[in-house]
């Protein structure tokens, strides 16, 4: 039985099997992890414990990529760099996975609008162990997860629609149906460029300008923010907020950030505009 580093062929085989289980898990279809593991052991010369741990490693890689993972396989770090490459190869061969529509199966025209769970934003006090955090964020930087999420218009629009529903529910719950009727999806009606996506209100009638950032990943998944969004956040501090939606394809959760943003996050310039003088 092999005990050395996993080969590319072995990594590719187990990554394919993992995504087969993950697709079933996301869709709510029944599947048996023990059956999958038994079939995997017939293909590769590894121990059951080694296969189980490799599944946990794949979960950790997907966490770094800002993607879903199988809840039953808790992310385990300190994995081979070659495993990251194997997951990246699978995603490159299956572009439909990243382009898939969010699972909105719970949405129904007959269901009352619902609020999103909003918790505290990430802080130094609740961050993972340093090595785990660094390995996760290294993957996110290498594969530019923030830019990928920003380019995913299906994900972005679905997130904005979900925030619209949340704002309606919050105002109706506060007895302000009059304000709920005035909420506007400005990114859809007026286009991008205003520095926020949704124009809503607080229950006391104060303007609430919401910039929505959505990811299927965990709460620390990096996100992109434009110079214009930062400018509007600064100019309209008392009204503007960033609504960060995470775990979106499973059970959407959120936190809110208020200006100044550099009090909450590290802002890194990633692109520059070139012009001729």
C-alpha atoms as a PDB file:
ATOM      1  CA  UNK A   1       0.000   0.000   0.000  1.00  0.00           C
ATOM      2  CA  UNK A   2       1.404   3.356  -1.040  1.00  0.00           C
ATOM      3  CA  UNK A   3       2.306   5.823   1.729  1.00  0.00           C
ATOM      4  CA  UNK A   4       4.199   8.474  -0.233  1.00  0.00           C
ATOM      5  CA  UNK A   5       2.929  11.726  -1.759  1.00  0.00           C
ATOM      6  CA  UNK A   6      -0.171  11.385  -3.899  1.00  0.00           C
ATOM      7  CA  UNK A   7       0.434  11.360  -7.640  1.00  0.00           C
ATOM      8  CA  UNK A   8      -1.323  13.660 -10.080  1.00  0.00           C
ATOM      9  CA  UNK A   9      -3.321  10.682 -11.355  1.00  0.00           C
ATOM     10  CA  UNK A  10      -4.492   9.814  -7.841  1.00  0.00           C
ATOM     11  CA  UNK A  11      -5.371  13.421  -7.098  1.00  0.00           C
ATOM     12  CA  UNK A  12      -7.351  13.722 -10.318  1.00  0.00           C
ATOM     13  CA  UNK A  13      -9.304  10.549  -9.540  1.00  0.00           C
ATOM     14  CA  UNK A  14     -10.289  11.590  -6.029  1.00  0.00           C
ATOM     15  CA  UNK A  15     -11.138  15.149  -7.092  1.00  0.00           C
ATOM     16  CA  UNK A  16     -13.553  13.805  -9.730  1.00  0.00           C
ATOM     17  CA  UNK A  17     -15.155  11.570  -7.112  1.00  0.00           C
ATOM     18  CA  UNK A  18     -15.372  14.427  -4.600  1.00  0.00           C
ATOM     19  CA  UNK A  19     -17.179  16.709  -7.061  1.00  0.00           C
ATOM     20  CA  UNK A  20     -19.595  13.894  -7.887  1.00  0.00           C
ATOM     21  CA  UNK A  21     -20.538  13.752  -4.205  1.00  0.00           C
ATOM     22  CA  UNK A  22     -20.574  17.531  -3.900  1.00  0.00           C
ATOM     23  CA  UNK A  23     -22.971  17.899  -6.831  1.00  0.00           C
ATOM     24  CA  UNK A  24     -25.347  15.453  -5.137  1.00  0.00           C
ATOM     25  CA  UNK A  25     -24.953  17.222  -1.803  1.00  0.00           C
ATOM     26  CA  UNK A  26     -25.696  20.675  -3.235  1.00  0.00           C
ATOM     27  CA  UNK A  27     -28.721  19.333  -5.133  1.00  0.00           C
ATOM     28  CA  UNK A  28     -30.055  17.522  -2.079  1.00  0.00           C
ATOM     29  CA  UNK A  29     -29.738  14.102  -3.691  1.00  0.00           C
ATOM     30  CA  UNK A  30     -28.909  11.125  -1.456  1.00  0.00           C
ATOM     31  CA  UNK A  31     -25.445   9.596  -1.762  1.00  0.00           C
ATOM     32  CA  UNK A  32     -23.246   7.292   0.282  1.00  0.00           C
ATOM     33  CA  UNK A  33     -19.773   8.454   1.264  1.00  0.00           C
ATOM     34  CA  UNK A  34     -18.834   4.920   2.282  1.00  0.00           C
ATOM     35  CA  UNK A  35     -19.805   3.589  -1.171  1.00  0.00           C
ATOM     36  CA  UNK A  36     -17.746   6.296  -2.863  1.00  0.00           C
ATOM     37  CA  UNK A  37     -14.779   5.552  -0.616  1.00  0.00           C
ATOM     38  CA  UNK A  38     -15.009   1.821  -1.291  1.00  0.00           C
ATOM     39  CA  UNK A  39     -14.982   2.401  -5.042  1.00  0.00           C
ATOM     40  CA  UNK A  40     -12.067   4.814  -4.673  1.00  0.00           C
ATOM     41  CA  UNK A  41     -10.067   2.203  -2.752  1.00  0.00           C
ATOM     42  CA  UNK A  42     -10.572  -0.162  -5.704  1.00  0.00           C
ATOM     43  CA  UNK A  43      -8.885   2.394  -7.984  1.00  0.00           C
ATOM     44  CA  UNK A  44      -5.950   3.568  -5.882  1.00  0.00           C
ATOM     45  CA  UNK A  45      -3.562   1.812  -3.508  1.00  0.00           C
ATOM     46  CA  UNK A  46      -4.258   3.913  -0.403  1.00  0.00           C
ATOM     47  CA  UNK A  47      -5.683   3.310   3.042  1.00  0.00           C
ATOM     48  CA  UNK A  48      -9.256   4.258   3.938  1.00  0.00           C
ATOM     49  CA  UNK A  49      -7.899   6.794   6.431  1.00  0.00           C
ATOM     50  CA  UNK A  50      -5.733   8.374   3.733  1.00  0.00           C
ATOM     51  CA  UNK A  51      -8.701   8.678   1.347  1.00  0.00           C
ATOM     52  CA  UNK A  52     -10.883  10.212   4.064  1.00  0.00           C
ATOM     53  CA  UNK A  53      -8.220  12.770   4.932  1.00  0.00           C
ATOM     54  CA  UNK A  54      -7.671  13.641   1.267  1.00  0.00           C
ATOM     55  CA  UNK A  55     -11.374  14.452   0.992  1.00  0.00           C
ATOM     56  CA  UNK A  56     -10.914  16.860   3.900  1.00  0.00           C
ATOM     57  CA  UNK A  57      -7.929  18.373   2.088  1.00  0.00           C
ATOM     58  CA  UNK A  58     -10.098  18.973  -0.983  1.00  0.00           C
ATOM     59  CA  UNK A  59     -12.636  20.759   1.234  1.00  0.00           C
ATOM     60  CA  UNK A  60      -9.829  23.022   2.438  1.00  0.00           C
ATOM     61  CA  UNK A  61      -8.772  23.800  -1.143  1.00  0.00           C
ATOM     62  CA  UNK A  62     -12.364  24.661  -2.072  1.00  0.00           C
ATOM     63  CA  UNK A  63     -12.599  26.902   0.975  1.00  0.00           C
ATOM     64  CA  UNK A  64      -9.603  28.824  -0.354  1.00  0.00           C
ATOM     65  CA  UNK A  65     -11.249  29.005  -3.765  1.00  0.00           C
ATOM     66  CA  UNK A  66     -14.369  30.557  -2.245  1.00  0.00           C
ATOM     67  CA  UNK A  67     -16.476  27.559  -3.211  1.00  0.00           C
ATOM     68  CA  UNK A  68     -18.845  25.019  -1.730  1.00  0.00           C
ATOM     69  CA  UNK A  69     -17.483  21.975   0.023  1.00  0.00           C
ATOM     70  CA  UNK A  70     -19.057  18.864   1.503  1.00  0.00           C
ATOM     71  CA  UNK A  71     -20.050  19.678   5.098  1.00  0.00           C
ATOM     72  CA  UNK A  72     -19.304  16.104   6.199  1.00  0.00           C
ATOM     73  CA  UNK A  73     -15.661  16.585   5.221  1.00  0.00           C
ATOM     74  CA  UNK A  74     -14.333  19.289   7.508  1.00  0.00           C
ATOM     75  CA  UNK A  75     -11.514  21.255   5.801  1.00  0.00           C
ATOM     76  CA  UNK A  76      -8.075  19.926   6.754  1.00  0.00           C
ATOM     77  CA  UNK A  77      -5.064  22.035   5.866  1.00  0.00           C
ATOM     78  CA  UNK A  78      -1.341  21.449   5.229  1.00  0.00           C
ATOM     79  CA  UNK A  79      -2.069  19.749   1.899  1.00  0.00           C
ATOM     80  CA  UNK A  80       0.123  19.225  -1.160  1.00  0.00           C
ATOM     81  CA  UNK A  81       0.293  22.085  -3.656  1.00  0.00           C
ATOM     82  CA  UNK A  82      -0.374  19.480  -6.354  1.00  0.00           C
ATOM     83  CA  UNK A  83      -3.869  18.969  -4.927  1.00  0.00           C
ATOM     84  CA  UNK A  84      -4.703  22.619  -5.577  1.00  0.00           C
ATOM     85  CA  UNK A  85      -3.610  22.102  -9.175  1.00  0.00           C
ATOM     86  CA  UNK A  86      -5.837  19.011  -9.452  1.00  0.00           C
ATOM     87  CA  UNK A  87      -8.893  20.943  -8.254  1.00  0.00           C
ATOM     88  CA  UNK A  88      -8.027  23.784 -10.638  1.00  0.00           C
ATOM     89  CA  UNK A  89      -7.771  21.300 -13.509  1.00  0.00           C
ATOM     90  CA  UNK A  90     -11.222  19.915 -12.696  1.00  0.00           C
ATOM     91  CA  UNK A  91     -12.743  23.399 -12.602  1.00  0.00           C
ATOM     92  CA  UNK A  92     -11.076  24.296 -15.908  1.00  0.00           C
ATOM     93  CA  UNK A  93     -12.563  21.175 -17.512  1.00  0.00           C
ATOM     94  CA  UNK A  94     -15.978  21.868 -15.990  1.00  0.00           C
ATOM     95  CA  UNK A  95     -16.614  25.616 -16.373  1.00  0.00           C
ATOM     96  CA  UNK A  96     -20.341  25.030 -15.825  1.00  0.00           C
ATOM     97  CA  UNK A  97     -19.651  24.490 -12.119  1.00  0.00           C
ATOM     98  CA  UNK A  98     -18.508  28.054 -11.477  1.00  0.00           C
ATOM     99  CA  UNK A  99     -21.130  29.426 -13.889  1.00  0.00           C
ATOM    100  CA  UNK A 100     -24.030  27.501 -12.364  1.00  0.00           C
ATOM    101  CA  UNK A 101     -27.070  29.349 -11.125  1.00  0.00           C
ATOM    102  CA  UNK A 102     -27.377  29.622  -7.350  1.00  0.00           C
ATOM    103  CA  UNK A 103     -29.714  27.093  -5.764  1.00  0.00           C
ATOM    104  CA  UNK A 104     -32.921  29.067  -5.269  1.00  0.00           C
ATOM    105  CA  UNK A 105     -35.148  26.015  -4.872  1.00  0.00           C
ATOM    106  CA  UNK A 106     -36.498  27.336  -1.579  1.00  0.00           C
ATOM    107  CA  UNK A 107     -37.824  30.453  -3.277  1.00  0.00           C
ATOM    108  CA  UNK A 108     -41.547  30.440  -3.945  1.00  0.00           C
ATOM    109  CA  UNK A 109     -44.022  33.049  -5.034  1.00  0.00           C
ATOM    110  CA  UNK A 110     -46.254  31.845  -2.210  1.00  0.00           C
ATOM    111  CA  UNK A 111     -43.589  32.265   0.463  1.00  0.00           C
ATOM    112  CA  UNK A 112     -43.384  35.447   2.476  1.00  0.00           C
ATOM    113  CA  UNK A 113     -40.178  37.441   1.919  1.00  0.00           C
ATOM    114  CA  UNK A 114     -37.580  36.418   4.485  1.00  0.00           C
ATOM    115  CA  UNK A 115     -34.719  38.152   6.228  1.00  0.00           C
ATOM    116  CA  UNK A 116     -31.117  36.992   5.988  1.00  0.00           C
ATOM    117  CA  UNK A 117     -29.146  36.065   9.089  1.00  0.00           C
ATOM    118  CA  UNK A 118     -26.751  38.952   9.724  1.00  0.00           C
ATOM    119  CA  UNK A 119     -23.840  38.357  12.063  1.00  0.00           C
ATOM    120  CA  UNK A 120     -20.683  40.180  13.091  1.00  0.00           C
ATOM    121  CA  UNK A 121     -18.004  40.759  10.444  1.00  0.00           C
ATOM    122  CA  UNK A 122     -14.706  38.887  10.598  1.00  0.00           C
ATOM    123  CA  UNK A 123     -12.207  40.329  13.060  1.00  0.00           C
ATOM    124  CA  UNK A 124      -8.744  39.481  14.347  1.00  0.00           C
ATOM    125  CA  UNK A 125     -10.339  37.933  17.412  1.00  0.00           C
ATOM    126  CA  UNK A 126     -12.303  35.313  15.456  1.00  0.00           C
ATOM    127  CA  UNK A 127      -9.855  34.483  12.673  1.00  0.00           C
ATOM    128  CA  UNK A 128      -8.613  30.911  12.068  1.00  0.00           C
ATOM    129  CA  UNK A 129      -5.102  29.815  13.098  1.00  0.00           C
ATOM    130  CA  UNK A 130      -2.454  31.856  11.204  1.00  0.00           C
ATOM    131  CA  UNK A 131      -1.154  28.988   9.059  1.00  0.00           C
ATOM    132  CA  UNK A 132      -4.666  27.921   8.054  1.00  0.00           C
ATOM    133  CA  UNK A 133      -5.666  31.493   7.226  1.00  0.00           C
ATOM    134  CA  UNK A 134      -2.527  32.136   5.202  1.00  0.00           C
ATOM    135  CA  UNK A 135      -2.879  28.935   3.166  1.00  0.00           C
ATOM    136  CA  UNK A 136      -6.529  29.726   2.460  1.00  0.00           C
ATOM    137  CA  UNK A 137      -5.890  33.326   1.433  1.00  0.00           C
ATOM    138  CA  UNK A 138      -2.868  32.308  -0.656  1.00  0.00           C
ATOM    139  CA  UNK A 139      -5.134  30.122  -2.801  1.00  0.00           C
ATOM    140  CA  UNK A 140      -7.674  32.948  -3.098  1.00  0.00           C
ATOM    141  CA  UNK A 141      -4.979  35.376  -4.254  1.00  0.00           C
ATOM    142  CA  UNK A 142      -3.395  32.906  -6.665  1.00  0.00           C
ATOM    143  CA  UNK A 143      -6.684  32.191  -8.418  1.00  0.00           C
ATOM    144  CA  UNK A 144      -8.091  35.731  -7.946  1.00  0.00           C
ATOM    145  CA  UNK A 145     -11.297  34.561  -6.330  1.00  0.00           C
ATOM    146  CA  UNK A 146     -12.430  38.150  -5.708  1.00  0.00           C
ATOM    147  CA  UNK A 147     -12.292  39.015  -9.422  1.00  0.00           C
ATOM    148  CA  UNK A 148     -14.012  35.735 -10.340  1.00  0.00           C
ATOM    149  CA  UNK A 149     -16.948  36.460  -8.035  1.00  0.00           C
ATOM    150  CA  UNK A 150     -17.171  40.018  -9.374  1.00  0.00           C
ATOM    151  CA  UNK A 151     -17.318  38.792 -12.982  1.00  0.00           C
ATOM    152  CA  UNK A 152     -20.020  36.229 -12.185  1.00  0.00           C
ATOM    153  CA  UNK A 153     -23.079  38.277 -13.105  1.00  0.00           C
ATOM    154  CA  UNK A 154     -25.476  35.397 -12.365  1.00  0.00           C
ATOM    155  CA  UNK A 155     -24.151  35.229  -8.811  1.00  0.00           C
ATOM    156  CA  UNK A 156     -24.118  39.011  -8.453  1.00  0.00           C
ATOM    157  CA  UNK A 157     -27.673  39.526  -9.668  1.00  0.00           C
ATOM    158  CA  UNK A 158     -28.975  36.671  -7.533  1.00  0.00           C
ATOM    159  CA  UNK A 159     -27.314  38.223  -4.496  1.00  0.00           C
ATOM    160  CA  UNK A 160     -28.808  41.630  -5.199  1.00  0.00           C
ATOM    161  CA  UNK A 161     -32.270  40.107  -5.624  1.00  0.00           C
ATOM    162  CA  UNK A 162     -31.885  38.295  -2.303  1.00  0.00           C
ATOM    163  CA  UNK A 163     -30.930  41.546  -0.566  1.00  0.00           C
ATOM    164  CA  UNK A 164     -33.986  43.241  -2.070  1.00  0.00           C
ATOM    165  CA  UNK A 165     -36.123  40.505  -0.526  1.00  0.00           C
ATOM    166  CA  UNK A 166     -34.326  40.919   2.792  1.00  0.00           C
ATOM    167  CA  UNK A 167     -34.861  44.684   2.851  1.00  0.00           C
ATOM    168  CA  UNK A 168     -38.557  44.309   2.030  1.00  0.00           C
ATOM    169  CA  UNK A 169     -38.974  41.767   4.819  1.00  0.00           C
ATOM    170  CA  UNK A 170     -37.113  43.944   7.327  1.00  0.00           C
ATOM    171  CA  UNK A 171     -39.220  47.030   6.628  1.00  0.00           C
ATOM    172  CA  UNK A 172     -42.510  45.155   6.535  1.00  0.00           C
ATOM    173  CA  UNK A 173     -41.568  43.501   9.808  1.00  0.00           C
ATOM    174  CA  UNK A 174     -40.925  46.946  11.276  1.00  0.00           C
ATOM    175  CA  UNK A 175     -44.364  48.125  10.172  1.00  0.00           C
ATOM    176  CA  UNK A 176     -43.025  50.259   7.319  1.00  0.00           C
ATOM    177  CA  UNK A 177     -44.716  48.765   4.262  1.00  0.00           C
ATOM    178  CA  UNK A 178     -44.811  52.310   2.880  1.00  0.00           C
ATOM    179  CA  UNK A 179     -41.010  52.410   2.764  1.00  0.00           C
ATOM    180  CA  UNK A 180     -40.767  48.820   1.510  1.00  0.00           C
ATOM    181  CA  UNK A 181     -42.705  49.855  -1.602  1.00  0.00           C
ATOM    182  CA  UNK A 182     -40.106  52.540  -2.334  1.00  0.00           C
ATOM    183  CA  UNK A 183     -37.037  50.294  -2.357  1.00  0.00           C
ATOM    184  CA  UNK A 184     -35.220  50.463  -5.693  1.00  0.00           C
ATOM    185  CA  UNK A 185     -32.824  48.052  -7.370  1.00  0.00           C
ATOM    186  CA  UNK A 186     -30.749  50.843  -8.844  1.00  0.00           C
ATOM    187  CA  UNK A 187     -28.075  48.563 -10.327  1.00  0.00           C
ATOM    188  CA  UNK A 188     -30.794  46.963 -12.449  1.00  0.00           C
ATOM    189  CA  UNK A 189     -32.873  50.059 -13.185  1.00  0.00           C
ATOM    190  CA  UNK A 190     -30.122  52.666 -13.621  1.00  0.00           C
ATOM    191  CA  UNK A 191     -27.076  50.496 -14.317  1.00  0.00           C
ATOM    192  CA  UNK A 192     -23.787  50.158 -12.493  1.00  0.00           C
ATOM    193  CA  UNK A 193     -21.792  53.232 -11.628  1.00  0.00           C
ATOM    194  CA  UNK A 194     -23.736  54.848  -8.802  1.00  0.00           C
ATOM    195  CA  UNK A 195     -21.550  53.199  -6.183  1.00  0.00           C
ATOM    196  CA  UNK A 196     -24.336  51.106  -4.685  1.00  0.00           C
ATOM    197  CA  UNK A 197     -26.829  48.472  -5.872  1.00  0.00           C
ATOM    198  CA  UNK A 198     -29.954  48.910  -3.752  1.00  0.00           C
ATOM    199  CA  UNK A 199     -31.586  52.074  -2.426  1.00  0.00           C
ATOM    200  CA  UNK A 200     -33.494  51.188   0.719  1.00  0.00           C
ATOM    201  CA  UNK A 201     -34.411  52.746   4.051  1.00  0.00           C
ATOM    202  CA  UNK A 202     -34.035  52.263   7.767  1.00  0.00           C
ATOM    203  CA  UNK A 203     -37.312  51.904   9.706  1.00  0.00           C
ATOM    204  CA  UNK A 204     -37.084  55.585  10.714  1.00  0.00           C
ATOM    205  CA  UNK A 205     -36.980  56.618   7.052  1.00  0.00           C
ATOM    206  CA  UNK A 206     -33.272  57.351   6.696  1.00  0.00           C
ATOM    207  CA  UNK A 207     -31.760  56.542   3.303  1.00  0.00           C
ATOM    208  CA  UNK A 208     -29.854  53.255   3.169  1.00  0.00           C
ATOM    209  CA  UNK A 209     -27.549  52.796   0.158  1.00  0.00           C
ATOM    210  CA  UNK A 210     -26.438  49.183  -0.145  1.00  0.00           C
ATOM    211  CA  UNK A 211     -23.517  47.826  -2.135  1.00  0.00           C
ATOM    212  CA  UNK A 212     -23.946  44.030  -2.383  1.00  0.00           C
ATOM    213  CA  UNK A 213     -20.980  41.647  -2.574  1.00  0.00           C
ATOM    214  CA  UNK A 214     -21.859  37.965  -2.954  1.00  0.00           C
ATOM    215  CA  UNK A 215     -19.850  34.755  -2.691  1.00  0.00           C
ATOM    216  CA  UNK A 216     -20.596  31.055  -2.350  1.00  0.00           C
ATOM    217  CA  UNK A 217     -17.535  30.834  -0.128  1.00  0.00           C
ATOM    218  CA  UNK A 218     -16.852  31.468   3.534  1.00  0.00           C
ATOM    219  CA  UNK A 219     -17.084  34.826   5.272  1.00  0.00           C
ATOM    220  CA  UNK A 220     -13.412  35.697   4.748  1.00  0.00           C
ATOM    221  CA  UNK A 221     -13.470  35.218   0.975  1.00  0.00           C
ATOM    222  CA  UNK A 222     -11.873  38.368  -0.519  1.00  0.00           C
ATOM    223  CA  UNK A 223     -14.040  40.680  -2.618  1.00  0.00           C
ATOM    224  CA  UNK A 224     -13.454  43.464  -5.121  1.00  0.00           C
ATOM    225  CA  UNK A 225     -14.509  47.052  -4.546  1.00  0.00           C
ATOM    226  CA  UNK A 226     -14.161  49.846  -7.088  1.00  0.00           C
ATOM    227  CA  UNK A 227     -12.659  53.280  -6.640  1.00  0.00           C
ATOM    228  CA  UNK A 228     -16.106  54.753  -7.296  1.00  0.00           C
ATOM    229  CA  UNK A 229     -17.726  52.586  -4.610  1.00  0.00           C
ATOM    230  CA  UNK A 230     -15.086  53.712  -2.134  1.00  0.00           C
ATOM    231  CA  UNK A 231     -15.661  57.345  -3.108  1.00  0.00           C
ATOM    232  CA  UNK A 232     -19.420  57.090  -2.622  1.00  0.00           C
ATOM    233  CA  UNK A 233     -18.888  55.307   0.692  1.00  0.00           C
ATOM    234  CA  UNK A 234     -16.751  58.230   1.831  1.00  0.00           C
ATOM    235  CA  UNK A 235     -19.059  60.934   0.473  1.00  0.00           C
ATOM    236  CA  UNK A 236     -22.233  59.394   1.922  1.00  0.00           C
ATOM    237  CA  UNK A 237     -20.931  57.789   5.090  1.00  0.00           C
ATOM    238  CA  UNK A 238     -24.164  58.074   7.039  1.00  0.00           C
ATOM    239  CA  UNK A 239     -26.171  56.258   4.331  1.00  0.00           C
ATOM    240  CA  UNK A 240     -23.838  53.780   2.618  1.00  0.00           C
ATOM    241  CA  UNK A 241     -23.132  50.199   3.711  1.00  0.00           C
ATOM    242  CA  UNK A 242     -21.516  47.126   2.208  1.00  0.00           C
ATOM    243  CA  UNK A 243     -23.729  44.043   2.509  1.00  0.00           C
ATOM    244  CA  UNK A 244     -21.503  40.976   2.306  1.00  0.00           C
ATOM    245  CA  UNK A 245     -23.444  37.808   1.406  1.00  0.00           C
ATOM    246  CA  UNK A 246     -21.574  34.549   1.954  1.00  0.00           C
ATOM    247  CA  UNK A 247     -22.394  30.831   1.864  1.00  0.00           C
ATOM    248  CA  UNK A 248     -24.882  31.976  -0.759  1.00  0.00           C
ATOM    249  CA  UNK A 249     -25.563  28.724  -2.611  1.00  0.00           C
ATOM    250  CA  UNK A 250     -26.305  26.896   0.642  1.00  0.00           C
ATOM    251  CA  UNK A 251     -27.895  29.020   3.366  1.00  0.00           C
ATOM    252  CA  UNK A 252     -27.129  32.701   2.730  1.00  0.00           C
ATOM    253  CA  UNK A 253     -25.587  34.562   5.644  1.00  0.00           C
ATOM    254  CA  UNK A 254     -24.315  38.111   5.798  1.00  0.00           C
ATOM    255  CA  UNK A 255     -22.545  40.864   7.638  1.00  0.00           C
ATOM    256  CA  UNK A 256     -22.485  44.601   7.023  1.00  0.00           C
ATOM    257  CA  UNK A 257     -19.526  46.989   6.852  1.00  0.00           C
ATOM    258  CA  UNK A 258     -19.799  50.736   7.263  1.00  0.00           C
ATOM    259  CA  UNK A 259     -17.379  53.507   6.273  1.00  0.00           C
ATOM    260  CA  UNK A 260     -14.535  53.955   6.663  1.00  0.00           C
ATOM    261  CA  UNK A 261     -13.943  50.541   5.087  1.00  0.00           C
ATOM    262  CA  UNK A 262     -10.229  50.533   5.814  1.00  0.00           C
ATOM    263  CA  UNK A 263     -11.166  50.229   9.479  1.00  0.00           C
ATOM    264  CA  UNK A 264     -12.510  46.736   8.701  1.00  0.00           C
ATOM    265  CA  UNK A 265     -10.512  45.395   5.740  1.00  0.00           C
ATOM    266  CA  UNK A 266      -7.118  45.755   4.094  1.00  0.00           C
ATOM    267  CA  UNK A 267      -7.516  47.534   0.758  1.00  0.00           C
ATOM    268  CA  UNK A 268      -5.042  46.457  -1.918  1.00  0.00           C
ATOM    269  CA  UNK A 269      -4.740  48.174  -5.301  1.00  0.00           C
ATOM    270  CA  UNK A 270      -4.845  45.422  -7.935  1.00  0.00           C
ATOM    271  CA  UNK A 271      -5.285  47.341 -11.210  1.00  0.00           C
ATOM    272  CA  UNK A 272      -4.207  50.694 -12.591  1.00  0.00           C
ATOM    273  CA  UNK A 273      -5.619  52.798 -15.390  1.00  0.00           C
ATOM    274  CA  UNK A 274      -3.112  53.761 -18.065  1.00  0.00           C
ATOM    275  CA  UNK A 275      -3.641  56.975 -20.020  1.00  0.00           C
ATOM    276  CA  UNK A 276      -1.591  59.090 -22.411  1.00  0.00           C
ATOM    277  CA  UNK A 277      -0.640  62.560 -21.201  1.00  0.00           C
END
